[in-house]
N, C-alpha and C. Protein backbone atom coordinates (compact mmCIF):
# COMPACT_ATOMS: atom_id res chain seq x y z
N UNK A 1 -3.61 9.69 -13.00
CA UNK A 1 -3.73 9.29 -11.61
C UNK A 1 -2.65 10.01 -10.80
N UNK A 2 -3.06 10.55 -9.66
CA UNK A 2 -2.10 11.18 -8.76
C UNK A 2 -2.17 10.51 -7.39
N UNK A 3 -1.06 9.96 -6.95
CA UNK A 3 -1.00 9.37 -5.62
C UNK A 3 -1.05 10.48 -4.58
N UNK A 4 -1.80 10.27 -3.54
CA UNK A 4 -1.95 11.27 -2.46
C UNK A 4 -1.31 10.82 -1.16
N UNK A 5 -1.53 9.54 -0.82
CA UNK A 5 -1.05 9.03 0.47
C UNK A 5 -0.80 7.54 0.35
N UNK A 6 0.25 7.08 1.04
CA UNK A 6 0.59 5.66 1.08
C UNK A 6 0.88 5.32 2.53
N UNK A 7 0.31 4.20 3.01
CA UNK A 7 0.61 3.75 4.37
C UNK A 7 0.89 2.25 4.33
N UNK A 8 2.02 1.85 4.90
CA UNK A 8 2.43 0.46 4.98
C UNK A 8 2.47 0.06 6.44
N UNK A 9 1.78 -1.03 6.78
CA UNK A 9 1.78 -1.54 8.14
C UNK A 9 2.29 -2.98 8.10
N UNK A 10 3.43 -3.22 8.73
CA UNK A 10 4.06 -4.55 8.77
C UNK A 10 4.25 -5.14 7.38
N UNK A 11 4.57 -4.30 6.43
CA UNK A 11 4.83 -4.74 5.06
C UNK A 11 6.34 -4.76 4.84
N UNK A 12 6.87 -5.96 4.69
CA UNK A 12 8.30 -6.20 4.54
C UNK A 12 9.07 -5.45 5.63
N UNK A 13 9.99 -4.55 5.30
CA UNK A 13 10.77 -3.92 6.36
C UNK A 13 10.11 -2.69 6.99
N UNK A 14 8.90 -2.36 6.59
CA UNK A 14 8.20 -1.18 7.12
C UNK A 14 7.20 -1.60 8.20
N UNK A 15 7.47 -1.18 9.45
CA UNK A 15 6.57 -1.49 10.55
C UNK A 15 5.31 -0.63 10.46
N UNK A 16 5.48 0.66 10.29
CA UNK A 16 4.35 1.59 10.15
C UNK A 16 4.90 2.85 9.48
N UNK A 17 4.75 2.92 8.17
CA UNK A 17 5.31 4.01 7.38
C UNK A 17 4.19 4.68 6.61
N UNK A 18 4.17 6.00 6.64
CA UNK A 18 3.14 6.75 5.92
C UNK A 18 3.77 7.92 5.18
N UNK A 19 3.32 8.12 3.93
CA UNK A 19 3.78 9.22 3.10
C UNK A 19 2.58 10.02 2.63
N UNK A 20 2.67 11.33 2.70
CA UNK A 20 1.71 12.23 2.06
C UNK A 20 2.41 12.78 0.84
N UNK A 21 1.80 12.65 -0.32
CA UNK A 21 2.42 13.09 -1.56
C UNK A 21 1.67 14.29 -2.12
N UNK A 22 2.41 15.29 -2.52
CA UNK A 22 1.81 16.48 -3.12
C UNK A 22 1.91 16.41 -4.63
N UNK A 23 1.44 17.44 -5.30
CA UNK A 23 1.55 17.46 -6.76
C UNK A 23 3.00 17.58 -7.19
N UNK A 24 3.28 17.12 -8.38
CA UNK A 24 4.64 17.23 -8.90
C UNK A 24 5.43 15.96 -8.69
N UNK A 25 6.72 16.09 -8.85
CA UNK A 25 7.64 14.97 -8.80
C UNK A 25 8.01 14.64 -7.35
N UNK A 26 8.05 13.35 -7.03
CA UNK A 26 8.46 12.90 -5.70
C UNK A 26 9.67 11.99 -5.85
N UNK A 27 10.70 12.21 -5.07
CA UNK A 27 11.89 11.36 -5.08
C UNK A 27 11.93 10.58 -3.78
N UNK A 28 12.27 9.31 -3.89
CA UNK A 28 12.45 8.45 -2.72
C UNK A 28 13.93 8.10 -2.68
N UNK A 29 14.60 8.54 -1.63
CA UNK A 29 16.04 8.31 -1.52
C UNK A 29 16.36 7.59 -0.22
N UNK A 30 17.50 6.93 -0.20
CA UNK A 30 17.96 6.25 1.01
C UNK A 30 19.00 5.22 0.66
N UNK A 31 19.65 4.66 1.67
CA UNK A 31 20.69 3.66 1.42
C UNK A 31 20.08 2.33 0.95
N UNK A 32 20.94 1.47 0.41
CA UNK A 32 20.49 0.14 0.00
C UNK A 32 19.86 -0.58 1.19
N UNK A 33 18.75 -1.25 0.94
CA UNK A 33 18.07 -2.01 1.98
C UNK A 33 17.12 -1.19 2.84
N UNK A 34 16.98 0.10 2.56
CA UNK A 34 16.14 0.96 3.40
C UNK A 34 14.65 0.76 3.12
N UNK A 35 14.31 0.20 1.94
CA UNK A 35 12.90 -0.05 1.63
C UNK A 35 12.33 0.81 0.52
N UNK A 36 13.18 1.41 -0.29
CA UNK A 36 12.70 2.27 -1.40
C UNK A 36 11.89 1.45 -2.40
N UNK A 37 12.45 0.35 -2.86
CA UNK A 37 11.75 -0.50 -3.83
C UNK A 37 10.50 -1.10 -3.21
N UNK A 38 10.55 -1.40 -1.92
CA UNK A 38 9.40 -1.97 -1.22
C UNK A 38 8.21 -1.03 -1.28
N UNK A 39 8.43 0.27 -1.23
CA UNK A 39 7.33 1.23 -1.32
C UNK A 39 6.63 1.09 -2.67
N UNK A 40 7.41 0.97 -3.74
CA UNK A 40 6.82 0.80 -5.07
C UNK A 40 6.10 -0.54 -5.18
N UNK A 41 6.68 -1.59 -4.62
CA UNK A 41 6.03 -2.90 -4.64
C UNK A 41 4.75 -2.89 -3.82
N UNK A 42 4.72 -2.15 -2.73
CA UNK A 42 3.52 -2.05 -1.91
C UNK A 42 2.38 -1.40 -2.69
N UNK A 43 2.70 -0.36 -3.46
CA UNK A 43 1.68 0.29 -4.29
C UNK A 43 1.12 -0.70 -5.30
N UNK A 44 2.01 -1.45 -5.97
CA UNK A 44 1.57 -2.44 -6.95
C UNK A 44 0.73 -3.53 -6.29
N UNK A 45 1.15 -3.99 -5.11
CA UNK A 45 0.40 -5.03 -4.39
C UNK A 45 -0.98 -4.53 -4.00
N UNK A 46 -1.06 -3.29 -3.50
CA UNK A 46 -2.35 -2.72 -3.10
C UNK A 46 -3.31 -2.64 -4.29
N UNK A 47 -2.81 -2.21 -5.43
CA UNK A 47 -3.67 -2.01 -6.59
C UNK A 47 -3.97 -3.29 -7.37
N UNK A 48 -3.00 -4.22 -7.42
CA UNK A 48 -3.14 -5.37 -8.32
C UNK A 48 -3.09 -6.73 -7.63
N UNK A 49 -2.77 -6.80 -6.36
CA UNK A 49 -2.79 -8.06 -5.65
C UNK A 49 -1.47 -8.81 -5.64
N UNK A 50 -1.54 -10.04 -5.18
CA UNK A 50 -0.36 -10.87 -4.95
C UNK A 50 0.47 -11.09 -6.20
N UNK A 51 -0.15 -11.18 -7.35
CA UNK A 51 0.62 -11.41 -8.58
C UNK A 51 1.58 -10.26 -8.88
N UNK A 52 1.32 -9.08 -8.34
CA UNK A 52 2.19 -7.93 -8.57
C UNK A 52 3.32 -7.85 -7.54
N UNK A 53 3.26 -8.69 -6.50
CA UNK A 53 4.28 -8.67 -5.45
C UNK A 53 5.45 -9.57 -5.82
N UNK A 54 6.61 -9.18 -5.36
CA UNK A 54 7.81 -9.99 -5.57
C UNK A 54 7.62 -11.32 -4.84
N UNK A 55 7.88 -12.45 -5.52
CA UNK A 55 7.70 -13.74 -4.85
C UNK A 55 8.77 -13.93 -3.78
N UNK A 56 8.55 -14.77 -2.80
CA UNK A 56 7.29 -15.44 -2.53
C UNK A 56 6.36 -14.53 -1.75
N UNK A 57 5.09 -14.83 -1.79
CA UNK A 57 4.12 -13.97 -1.11
C UNK A 57 4.32 -14.00 0.40
N UNK A 58 4.98 -15.04 0.91
CA UNK A 58 5.26 -15.11 2.34
C UNK A 58 6.24 -14.03 2.77
N UNK A 59 6.89 -13.36 1.81
CA UNK A 59 7.85 -12.31 2.16
C UNK A 59 7.15 -10.98 2.41
N UNK A 60 5.83 -10.92 2.24
CA UNK A 60 5.11 -9.66 2.44
C UNK A 60 5.08 -9.24 3.91
N UNK A 61 4.71 -10.12 4.85
CA UNK A 61 4.70 -9.68 6.25
C UNK A 61 6.09 -9.33 6.74
N UNK A 62 6.18 -8.32 7.59
CA UNK A 62 7.46 -7.89 8.14
C UNK A 62 8.03 -8.97 9.03
N UNK A 63 9.30 -9.30 8.82
CA UNK A 63 9.98 -10.29 9.65
C UNK A 63 10.09 -9.73 11.07
N UNK A 64 9.73 -10.53 12.05
CA UNK A 64 9.83 -10.11 13.44
C UNK A 64 8.59 -9.41 13.96
N UNK A 65 7.55 -9.27 13.13
CA UNK A 65 6.33 -8.63 13.64
C UNK A 65 5.68 -9.54 14.67
N UNK A 66 5.01 -8.98 15.66
CA UNK A 66 4.33 -9.83 16.64
C UNK A 66 3.27 -10.70 15.95
N UNK A 67 3.07 -11.89 16.49
CA UNK A 67 2.08 -12.81 15.91
C UNK A 67 0.71 -12.13 15.82
N UNK A 68 0.03 -12.39 14.74
CA UNK A 68 -1.32 -11.88 14.47
C UNK A 68 -1.39 -10.36 14.33
N UNK A 69 -0.26 -9.71 14.17
CA UNK A 69 -0.27 -8.28 13.90
C UNK A 69 -0.79 -8.06 12.48
N UNK A 70 -1.55 -7.00 12.27
CA UNK A 70 -2.11 -6.76 10.93
C UNK A 70 -1.01 -6.43 9.92
N UNK A 71 -1.26 -6.82 8.69
CA UNK A 71 -0.41 -6.47 7.56
C UNK A 71 -1.33 -5.78 6.56
N UNK A 72 -0.98 -4.55 6.16
CA UNK A 72 -1.84 -3.86 5.20
C UNK A 72 -1.07 -2.77 4.47
N UNK A 73 -1.61 -2.44 3.31
CA UNK A 73 -1.13 -1.30 2.54
C UNK A 73 -2.36 -0.50 2.15
N UNK A 74 -2.29 0.80 2.37
CA UNK A 74 -3.39 1.70 2.02
C UNK A 74 -2.85 2.74 1.05
N UNK A 75 -3.54 2.91 -0.06
CA UNK A 75 -3.12 3.86 -1.09
C UNK A 75 -4.30 4.77 -1.40
N UNK A 76 -4.09 6.07 -1.30
CA UNK A 76 -5.10 7.05 -1.70
C UNK A 76 -4.61 7.74 -2.96
N UNK A 77 -5.54 7.90 -3.92
CA UNK A 77 -5.18 8.55 -5.17
C UNK A 77 -6.40 9.24 -5.76
N UNK A 78 -6.13 10.18 -6.65
CA UNK A 78 -7.22 10.82 -7.38
C UNK A 78 -7.07 10.45 -8.85
N UNK A 79 -8.22 10.34 -9.49
CA UNK A 79 -8.27 10.03 -10.91
C UNK A 79 -9.40 10.88 -11.48
N UNK A 80 -9.03 11.85 -12.31
CA UNK A 80 -10.04 12.79 -12.79
C UNK A 80 -10.58 13.59 -11.62
N UNK A 81 -11.88 13.67 -11.53
CA UNK A 81 -12.53 14.44 -10.45
C UNK A 81 -12.84 13.59 -9.23
N UNK A 82 -12.38 12.35 -9.19
CA UNK A 82 -12.74 11.45 -8.11
C UNK A 82 -11.53 11.05 -7.26
N UNK A 83 -11.81 10.77 -5.99
CA UNK A 83 -10.81 10.30 -5.04
C UNK A 83 -11.09 8.84 -4.72
N UNK A 84 -10.02 8.06 -4.57
CA UNK A 84 -10.14 6.64 -4.27
C UNK A 84 -9.18 6.28 -3.15
N UNK A 85 -9.55 5.22 -2.44
CA UNK A 85 -8.68 4.65 -1.41
C UNK A 85 -8.77 3.14 -1.52
N UNK A 86 -7.62 2.49 -1.61
CA UNK A 86 -7.54 1.03 -1.66
C UNK A 86 -6.85 0.58 -0.39
N UNK A 87 -7.45 -0.38 0.30
CA UNK A 87 -6.85 -0.98 1.48
C UNK A 87 -6.73 -2.47 1.20
N UNK A 88 -5.49 -2.97 1.18
CA UNK A 88 -5.27 -4.39 0.91
C UNK A 88 -4.59 -5.04 2.10
N UNK A 89 -5.08 -6.22 2.45
CA UNK A 89 -4.47 -7.09 3.44
C UNK A 89 -4.15 -8.41 2.72
N UNK A 90 -3.43 -9.33 3.36
CA UNK A 90 -3.19 -10.61 2.69
C UNK A 90 -4.47 -11.38 2.37
N UNK A 91 -5.57 -11.07 3.02
CA UNK A 91 -6.82 -11.81 2.81
C UNK A 91 -7.80 -11.15 1.85
N UNK A 92 -7.79 -9.80 1.76
CA UNK A 92 -8.76 -9.15 0.88
C UNK A 92 -8.32 -7.72 0.55
N UNK A 93 -9.14 -7.09 -0.28
CA UNK A 93 -8.91 -5.69 -0.66
C UNK A 93 -10.25 -4.97 -0.64
N UNK A 94 -10.19 -3.69 -0.33
CA UNK A 94 -11.40 -2.86 -0.33
C UNK A 94 -11.10 -1.59 -1.13
N UNK A 95 -12.09 -1.16 -1.91
CA UNK A 95 -11.99 0.07 -2.68
C UNK A 95 -13.04 1.04 -2.18
N UNK A 96 -12.59 2.23 -1.81
CA UNK A 96 -13.49 3.29 -1.34
C UNK A 96 -13.48 4.40 -2.40
N UNK A 97 -14.62 5.04 -2.58
CA UNK A 97 -14.79 6.04 -3.64
C UNK A 97 -15.24 7.36 -3.02
N UNK A 98 -14.59 8.45 -3.42
CA UNK A 98 -14.94 9.81 -2.98
C UNK A 98 -15.17 9.92 -1.48
N UNK A 99 -14.21 9.41 -0.73
CA UNK A 99 -14.17 9.52 0.73
C UNK A 99 -15.36 8.85 1.43
N UNK A 100 -15.98 7.90 0.77
CA UNK A 100 -17.09 7.16 1.39
C UNK A 100 -16.62 6.32 2.56
N UNK A 101 -17.51 6.09 3.51
CA UNK A 101 -17.17 5.33 4.70
C UNK A 101 -17.24 3.82 4.46
N UNK A 102 -18.02 3.40 3.47
CA UNK A 102 -18.17 2.00 3.14
C UNK A 102 -17.50 1.70 1.80
N UNK A 103 -16.89 0.53 1.67
CA UNK A 103 -16.26 0.20 0.40
C UNK A 103 -17.30 -0.02 -0.70
N UNK A 104 -16.94 0.37 -1.92
CA UNK A 104 -17.80 0.12 -3.08
C UNK A 104 -17.46 -1.24 -3.68
N UNK A 105 -16.31 -1.81 -3.28
CA UNK A 105 -15.90 -3.11 -3.76
C UNK A 105 -15.06 -3.77 -2.70
N UNK A 106 -15.29 -5.08 -2.50
CA UNK A 106 -14.47 -5.89 -1.61
C UNK A 106 -14.19 -7.19 -2.33
N UNK A 107 -12.95 -7.61 -2.31
CA UNK A 107 -12.59 -8.87 -2.95
C UNK A 107 -11.13 -9.17 -2.76
N UNK A 108 -10.64 -10.13 -3.52
CA UNK A 108 -9.24 -10.51 -3.39
C UNK A 108 -8.43 -9.83 -4.47
């Protein structure tokens, strides 16, 4: 599996953060508290759900975000000859396959 793109919207300390990842090794650097570990947790949450997130689950939304602002993590990756995109919100997750416009799976 190769990660291609990650986008965090109102996820913990990230208001709107997006990364494009190329082939090879990627390093995430920054001072303590900048959100490096949060990026890894966001990937786990997007792919595996709330059980993969650091407890409590109420810590997922960004503190200070405006009321009713969306919270989501989007992860694009390739696996073999196929491309996938997972979009997870606190209420559900969607899986898109080979750049399709409609999800092939929706659930929690």
